[in-house]
Every structure is written in C-alpha cells, then in structure tokens.
Amino acid sequence: MSICYFKSQRDFLTHPDVNIQQKYIVGSPDTAEFFYIIKATIKVSKDIYTLIVQHYRGYDDELYTELWYKNDKVDRYKKPAIIHIYNNQDKELHHYENGELVNIESGSL
C-alpha cells in the first residue's frame, strides 16, 4: 500500500510527481461556491492516479478541502488539512479524532 501526503498546498503543487493538468477559478472565495479546482495526476510507486482537489467555502462559512480520487470522494476536511492520496484495498490506512490525524501507515513515493 502506498500513501503520499502533503502538509501544505505548496508541497502538493510543487511535488515532482504531481502533474497539474488544469487549475481554474470558479466563483469567489467570498461565496459558498468553489473558488478553485485543481485537476492533477500523481505517480505513487508505479501507479498513476487522477485526482481533483477542490477548495471552497461552505455554507457554514468554513473553508473546506475536498479530494476526489478516481471519481469517488475520499475525504472532506476543514483547513488546515493534509492532502493525502492512497491505495485503498479495503484497509483503513488512517483515521481522525477530533479533526486530528492520529494514525497513518507510512509509505513513500
């Protein structure tokens, strides 16, 4: 199993194994609309995945990051967040308690 995780958006955007295909702005950060969407591919071990990361302000006025992986929603969490991508073979690789990541199986690119 492989996991890669990024402690910041900059780490994600500048990682050599991340290929940004599209980045565009929709709406405004002051509304509940998405305010930017990134479509990228990432190489994890020998596999390449397509993912979409969306940052938006929710109706509760909180900022959210939402990661879509192979058209399935993986996680939704409040910022500041760790963006993470993982191979899921029916095994929990991480979990959160009170919004904090408390356990993650280590992996490398």
N, C-alpha and C. Protein backbone atom coordinates (compact mmCIF):
# COMPACT_ATOMS: atom_id res chain seq x y z
N MET A 1 0.84 -1.17 0.00
CA MET A 1 0.00 0.00 0.00
C MET A 1 0.89 1.24 0.00
N SER A 2 0.46 2.21 -0.74
CA SER A 2 1.23 3.45 -0.82
C SER A 2 0.39 4.62 -0.36
N ILE A 3 1.01 5.49 0.35
CA ILE A 3 0.36 6.72 0.76
C ILE A 3 1.33 7.85 0.45
N CYS A 4 0.80 8.92 -0.07
CA CYS A 4 1.61 10.13 -0.08
C CYS A 4 0.74 11.21 0.52
N TYR A 5 1.33 12.07 1.29
CA TYR A 5 0.55 13.12 1.91
C TYR A 5 1.37 14.39 1.90
N PHE A 6 0.68 15.50 1.90
CA PHE A 6 1.30 16.79 1.74
C PHE A 6 0.84 17.67 2.89
N LYS A 7 1.79 18.26 3.58
CA LYS A 7 1.44 19.07 4.75
C LYS A 7 0.92 20.44 4.34
N SER A 8 1.12 20.81 3.10
CA SER A 8 0.62 22.11 2.66
C SER A 8 0.26 22.02 1.18
N GLN A 9 -0.52 22.99 0.76
CA GLN A 9 -0.88 23.05 -0.65
C GLN A 9 0.35 23.27 -1.51
N ARG A 10 1.30 24.05 -1.02
CA ARG A 10 2.52 24.31 -1.78
C ARG A 10 3.29 23.01 -2.01
N ASP A 11 3.38 22.16 -0.97
CA ASP A 11 4.05 20.87 -1.13
C ASP A 11 3.39 20.06 -2.23
N PHE A 12 2.06 20.10 -2.27
CA PHE A 12 1.32 19.36 -3.29
C PHE A 12 1.60 19.92 -4.68
N LEU A 13 1.49 21.24 -4.81
CA LEU A 13 1.61 21.86 -6.13
C LEU A 13 3.02 21.78 -6.69
N THR A 14 4.03 21.70 -5.83
CA THR A 14 5.41 21.71 -6.30
C THR A 14 6.06 20.33 -6.28
N HIS A 15 5.32 19.31 -5.90
CA HIS A 15 5.92 17.98 -5.82
C HIS A 15 6.27 17.47 -7.22
N PRO A 16 7.46 16.89 -7.42
CA PRO A 16 7.87 16.47 -8.76
C PRO A 16 7.00 15.36 -9.36
N ASP A 17 6.31 14.59 -8.54
CA ASP A 17 5.47 13.52 -9.08
C ASP A 17 4.03 13.96 -9.31
N VAL A 18 3.74 15.23 -9.05
CA VAL A 18 2.39 15.76 -9.31
C VAL A 18 2.42 16.55 -10.61
N ASN A 19 1.55 16.18 -11.53
CA ASN A 19 1.45 16.86 -12.81
C ASN A 19 0.12 17.61 -12.84
N ILE A 20 0.18 18.93 -12.74
CA ILE A 20 -1.04 19.73 -12.75
C ILE A 20 -1.53 19.85 -14.18
N GLN A 21 -2.75 19.36 -14.43
CA GLN A 21 -3.32 19.40 -15.77
C GLN A 21 -4.18 20.63 -15.98
N GLN A 22 -4.94 20.99 -14.96
CA GLN A 22 -5.82 22.16 -15.06
C GLN A 22 -5.91 22.81 -13.69
N LYS A 23 -5.99 24.13 -13.71
CA LYS A 23 -6.25 24.86 -12.47
C LYS A 23 -7.10 26.05 -12.87
N TYR A 24 -8.28 26.15 -12.31
CA TYR A 24 -9.15 27.25 -12.70
C TYR A 24 -9.99 27.69 -11.52
N ILE A 25 -10.48 28.91 -11.62
CA ILE A 25 -11.24 29.53 -10.54
C ILE A 25 -12.71 29.57 -10.93
N VAL A 26 -13.55 29.23 -9.99
CA VAL A 26 -14.99 29.28 -10.20
C VAL A 26 -15.58 30.08 -9.06
N GLY A 27 -16.36 31.10 -9.37
CA GLY A 27 -17.00 31.87 -8.31
C GLY A 27 -16.00 32.74 -7.57
N SER A 28 -16.24 32.89 -6.29
CA SER A 28 -15.46 33.81 -5.47
C SER A 28 -15.21 33.19 -4.10
N PRO A 29 -14.07 33.47 -3.48
CA PRO A 29 -13.82 32.96 -2.13
C PRO A 29 -14.82 33.49 -1.11
N ASP A 30 -15.53 34.55 -1.45
CA ASP A 30 -16.48 35.14 -0.51
C ASP A 30 -17.86 34.50 -0.59
N THR A 31 -18.02 33.54 -1.47
CA THR A 31 -19.31 32.87 -1.60
C THR A 31 -19.15 31.40 -1.23
N ALA A 32 -20.24 30.67 -1.28
CA ALA A 32 -20.19 29.24 -0.97
C ALA A 32 -19.79 28.42 -2.18
N GLU A 33 -19.46 29.08 -3.29
CA GLU A 33 -19.07 28.35 -4.49
C GLU A 33 -17.62 27.88 -4.37
N PHE A 34 -17.27 26.91 -5.21
CA PHE A 34 -15.87 26.52 -5.31
C PHE A 34 -15.08 27.74 -5.75
N PHE A 35 -13.91 27.96 -5.16
CA PHE A 35 -13.13 29.08 -5.66
C PHE A 35 -11.85 28.67 -6.35
N TYR A 36 -11.38 27.45 -6.22
CA TYR A 36 -10.51 26.95 -7.26
C TYR A 36 -10.51 25.44 -7.25
N ILE A 37 -10.24 24.91 -8.40
CA ILE A 37 -10.27 23.47 -8.61
C ILE A 37 -8.96 23.09 -9.30
N ILE A 38 -8.33 22.06 -8.81
CA ILE A 38 -7.09 21.58 -9.41
C ILE A 38 -7.33 20.16 -9.90
N LYS A 39 -7.02 19.91 -11.15
CA LYS A 39 -7.04 18.54 -11.67
C LYS A 39 -5.59 18.14 -11.92
N ALA A 40 -5.20 17.00 -11.40
CA ALA A 40 -3.81 16.60 -11.49
C ALA A 40 -3.71 15.09 -11.59
N THR A 41 -2.56 14.65 -12.04
CA THR A 41 -2.23 13.23 -11.92
C THR A 41 -1.05 13.13 -10.97
N ILE A 42 -0.99 12.03 -10.26
CA ILE A 42 0.13 11.82 -9.35
C ILE A 42 0.63 10.40 -9.50
N LYS A 43 1.93 10.27 -9.45
CA LYS A 43 2.55 8.95 -9.52
C LYS A 43 2.86 8.50 -8.11
N VAL A 44 2.30 7.37 -7.72
CA VAL A 44 2.54 6.79 -6.41
C VAL A 44 3.09 5.40 -6.66
N SER A 45 4.33 5.18 -6.24
CA SER A 45 5.04 3.95 -6.60
C SER A 45 5.02 3.83 -8.11
N LYS A 46 4.45 2.74 -8.64
CA LYS A 46 4.43 2.55 -10.09
C LYS A 46 3.09 2.95 -10.71
N ASP A 47 2.14 3.35 -9.87
CA ASP A 47 0.80 3.65 -10.36
C ASP A 47 0.61 5.16 -10.53
N ILE A 48 -0.22 5.51 -11.49
CA ILE A 48 -0.56 6.91 -11.71
C ILE A 48 -2.06 7.08 -11.49
N TYR A 49 -2.44 8.05 -10.67
CA TYR A 49 -3.84 8.29 -10.36
C TYR A 49 -4.23 9.69 -10.81
N THR A 50 -5.47 9.82 -11.21
CA THR A 50 -6.02 11.13 -11.49
C THR A 50 -6.83 11.57 -10.29
N LEU A 51 -6.66 12.82 -9.90
CA LEU A 51 -7.39 13.31 -8.75
C LEU A 51 -7.81 14.74 -8.99
N ILE A 52 -8.82 15.14 -8.28
CA ILE A 52 -9.30 16.52 -8.32
C ILE A 52 -9.34 17.02 -6.89
N VAL A 53 -8.71 18.16 -6.65
CA VAL A 53 -8.74 18.78 -5.33
C VAL A 53 -9.53 20.07 -5.46
N GLN A 54 -10.55 20.23 -4.64
CA GLN A 54 -11.39 21.42 -4.70
C GLN A 54 -11.34 22.14 -3.36
N HIS A 55 -11.13 23.42 -3.41
CA HIS A 55 -11.12 24.24 -2.20
C HIS A 55 -12.32 25.18 -2.28
N TYR A 56 -13.10 25.24 -1.25
CA TYR A 56 -14.29 26.08 -1.30
C TYR A 56 -14.71 26.51 0.10
N ARG A 57 -15.56 27.51 0.13
CA ARG A 57 -16.13 27.99 1.39
C ARG A 57 -17.54 27.42 1.50
N GLY A 58 -17.80 26.71 2.58
CA GLY A 58 -19.09 26.08 2.76
C GLY A 58 -20.15 27.05 3.26
N TYR A 59 -21.37 26.58 3.30
CA TYR A 59 -22.47 27.43 3.76
C TYR A 59 -22.32 27.79 5.24
N ASP A 60 -21.51 27.01 5.97
CA ASP A 60 -21.24 27.35 7.37
C ASP A 60 -20.09 28.34 7.49
N ASP A 61 -19.65 28.88 6.34
CA ASP A 61 -18.60 29.89 6.26
C ASP A 61 -17.22 29.34 6.63
N GLU A 62 -17.07 28.03 6.67
CA GLU A 62 -15.76 27.43 6.90
C GLU A 62 -15.12 27.10 5.55
N LEU A 63 -13.79 27.12 5.53
CA LEU A 63 -13.07 26.72 4.32
C LEU A 63 -12.90 25.21 4.33
N TYR A 64 -13.13 24.58 3.20
CA TYR A 64 -13.01 23.13 3.09
C TYR A 64 -12.08 22.77 1.95
N THR A 65 -11.46 21.62 2.09
CA THR A 65 -10.72 21.00 1.01
C THR A 65 -11.39 19.66 0.74
N GLU A 66 -11.67 19.38 -0.51
CA GLU A 66 -12.31 18.12 -0.84
C GLU A 66 -11.48 17.43 -1.91
N LEU A 67 -11.14 16.20 -1.65
CA LEU A 67 -10.32 15.43 -2.58
C LEU A 67 -11.18 14.37 -3.25
N TRP A 68 -11.17 14.34 -4.56
CA TRP A 68 -11.85 13.31 -5.32
C TRP A 68 -10.79 12.45 -5.98
N TYR A 69 -10.94 11.15 -5.84
CA TYR A 69 -9.93 10.21 -6.33
C TYR A 69 -10.63 9.14 -7.14
N LYS A 70 -10.29 9.03 -8.39
CA LYS A 70 -10.94 8.07 -9.29
C LYS A 70 -12.46 8.19 -9.23
N ASN A 71 -12.94 9.44 -9.24
CA ASN A 71 -14.38 9.75 -9.25
C ASN A 71 -15.10 9.37 -7.97
N ASP A 72 -14.39 8.96 -6.94
CA ASP A 72 -15.01 8.65 -5.66
C ASP A 72 -14.51 9.64 -4.63
N LYS A 73 -15.42 10.16 -3.83
CA LYS A 73 -14.99 11.11 -2.80
C LYS A 73 -14.27 10.35 -1.70
N VAL A 74 -13.06 10.79 -1.40
CA VAL A 74 -12.26 10.12 -0.38
C VAL A 74 -12.44 10.79 0.97
N ASP A 75 -12.35 12.10 1.00
CA ASP A 75 -12.36 12.75 2.30
C ASP A 75 -12.77 14.20 2.14
N ARG A 76 -13.28 14.77 3.20
CA ARG A 76 -13.66 16.17 3.25
C ARG A 76 -13.27 16.66 4.63
N TYR A 77 -12.50 17.72 4.67
CA TYR A 77 -11.99 18.13 5.96
C TYR A 77 -11.75 19.63 5.96
N LYS A 78 -11.78 20.20 7.14
CA LYS A 78 -11.56 21.63 7.27
C LYS A 78 -10.07 21.92 7.16
N LYS A 79 -9.77 23.11 6.65
CA LYS A 79 -8.38 23.55 6.64
C LYS A 79 -7.98 23.95 8.05
N PRO A 80 -6.71 23.93 8.41
CA PRO A 80 -5.61 23.43 7.60
C PRO A 80 -5.65 21.91 7.53
N ALA A 81 -5.37 21.39 6.38
CA ALA A 81 -5.56 19.96 6.15
C ALA A 81 -4.33 19.35 5.52
N ILE A 82 -4.19 18.07 5.71
CA ILE A 82 -3.19 17.30 4.98
C ILE A 82 -3.90 16.72 3.77
N ILE A 83 -3.44 17.06 2.60
CA ILE A 83 -3.98 16.45 1.39
C ILE A 83 -3.31 15.09 1.26
N HIS A 84 -4.10 14.06 1.09
CA HIS A 84 -3.50 12.74 1.01
C HIS A 84 -4.17 11.90 -0.06
N ILE A 85 -3.41 11.04 -0.68
CA ILE A 85 -3.89 10.12 -1.69
C ILE A 85 -3.37 8.74 -1.29
N TYR A 86 -4.20 7.74 -1.44
CA TYR A 86 -3.74 6.43 -1.02
C TYR A 86 -4.41 5.34 -1.82
N ASN A 87 -3.75 4.19 -1.89
CA ASN A 87 -4.36 2.98 -2.44
C ASN A 87 -5.21 2.39 -1.34
N ASN A 88 -6.47 2.16 -1.61
CA ASN A 88 -7.35 1.60 -0.59
C ASN A 88 -7.77 0.21 -1.03
N GLN A 89 -7.30 -0.79 -0.33
CA GLN A 89 -7.65 -2.17 -0.63
C GLN A 89 -8.43 -2.72 0.56
N ASP A 90 -9.54 -2.04 0.87
CA ASP A 90 -10.40 -2.43 1.98
C ASP A 90 -9.65 -2.47 3.30
N LYS A 91 -8.72 -1.55 3.48
CA LYS A 91 -7.98 -1.46 4.73
C LYS A 91 -7.92 0.00 5.14
N GLU A 92 -8.27 0.29 6.38
CA GLU A 92 -8.19 1.66 6.84
C GLU A 92 -6.73 2.02 7.06
N LEU A 93 -6.29 3.06 6.37
CA LEU A 93 -4.89 3.45 6.47
C LEU A 93 -4.68 4.62 7.42
N HIS A 94 -5.76 5.32 7.75
CA HIS A 94 -5.62 6.47 8.63
C HIS A 94 -6.97 6.74 9.26
N HIS A 95 -6.98 7.46 10.33
CA HIS A 95 -8.25 7.91 10.89
C HIS A 95 -8.04 9.20 11.67
N TYR A 96 -9.14 9.89 11.89
CA TYR A 96 -9.11 11.18 12.55
C TYR A 96 -9.84 11.10 13.88
N GLU A 97 -9.36 11.82 14.85
CA GLU A 97 -10.08 12.00 16.10
C GLU A 97 -10.08 13.49 16.40
N ASN A 98 -11.26 14.04 16.58
CA ASN A 98 -11.40 15.47 16.82
C ASN A 98 -10.71 16.30 15.74
N GLY A 99 -10.80 15.80 14.51
CA GLY A 99 -10.23 16.54 13.39
C GLY A 99 -8.73 16.38 13.24
N GLU A 100 -8.09 15.59 14.11
CA GLU A 100 -6.64 15.42 14.03
C GLU A 100 -6.31 14.03 13.52
N LEU A 101 -5.33 13.98 12.64
CA LEU A 101 -4.86 12.69 12.13
C LEU A 101 -4.06 12.02 13.24
N VAL A 102 -4.49 10.83 13.67
CA VAL A 102 -3.83 10.19 14.79
C VAL A 102 -3.07 8.93 14.40
N ASN A 103 -3.32 8.41 13.22
CA ASN A 103 -2.61 7.20 12.82
C ASN A 103 -2.53 7.15 11.31
N ILE A 104 -1.35 6.90 10.80
CA ILE A 104 -1.20 6.76 9.35
C ILE A 104 -0.11 5.74 9.09
N GLU A 105 -0.40 4.83 8.18
CA GLU A 105 0.60 3.84 7.80
C GLU A 105 1.59 4.51 6.87
N SER A 106 2.86 4.39 7.14
CA SER A 106 3.84 5.12 6.36
C SER A 106 4.00 4.49 4.98
N GLY A 107 4.34 5.33 4.05
CA GLY A 107 4.58 4.89 2.69
C GLY A 107 5.48 5.90 2.02
N SER A 108 5.93 5.58 0.85
CA SER A 108 6.79 6.52 0.15
C SER A 108 6.44 6.51 -1.32
N LEU A 109 6.83 7.58 -1.98
CA LEU A 109 6.59 7.67 -3.42
C LEU A 109 7.56 6.78 -4.16
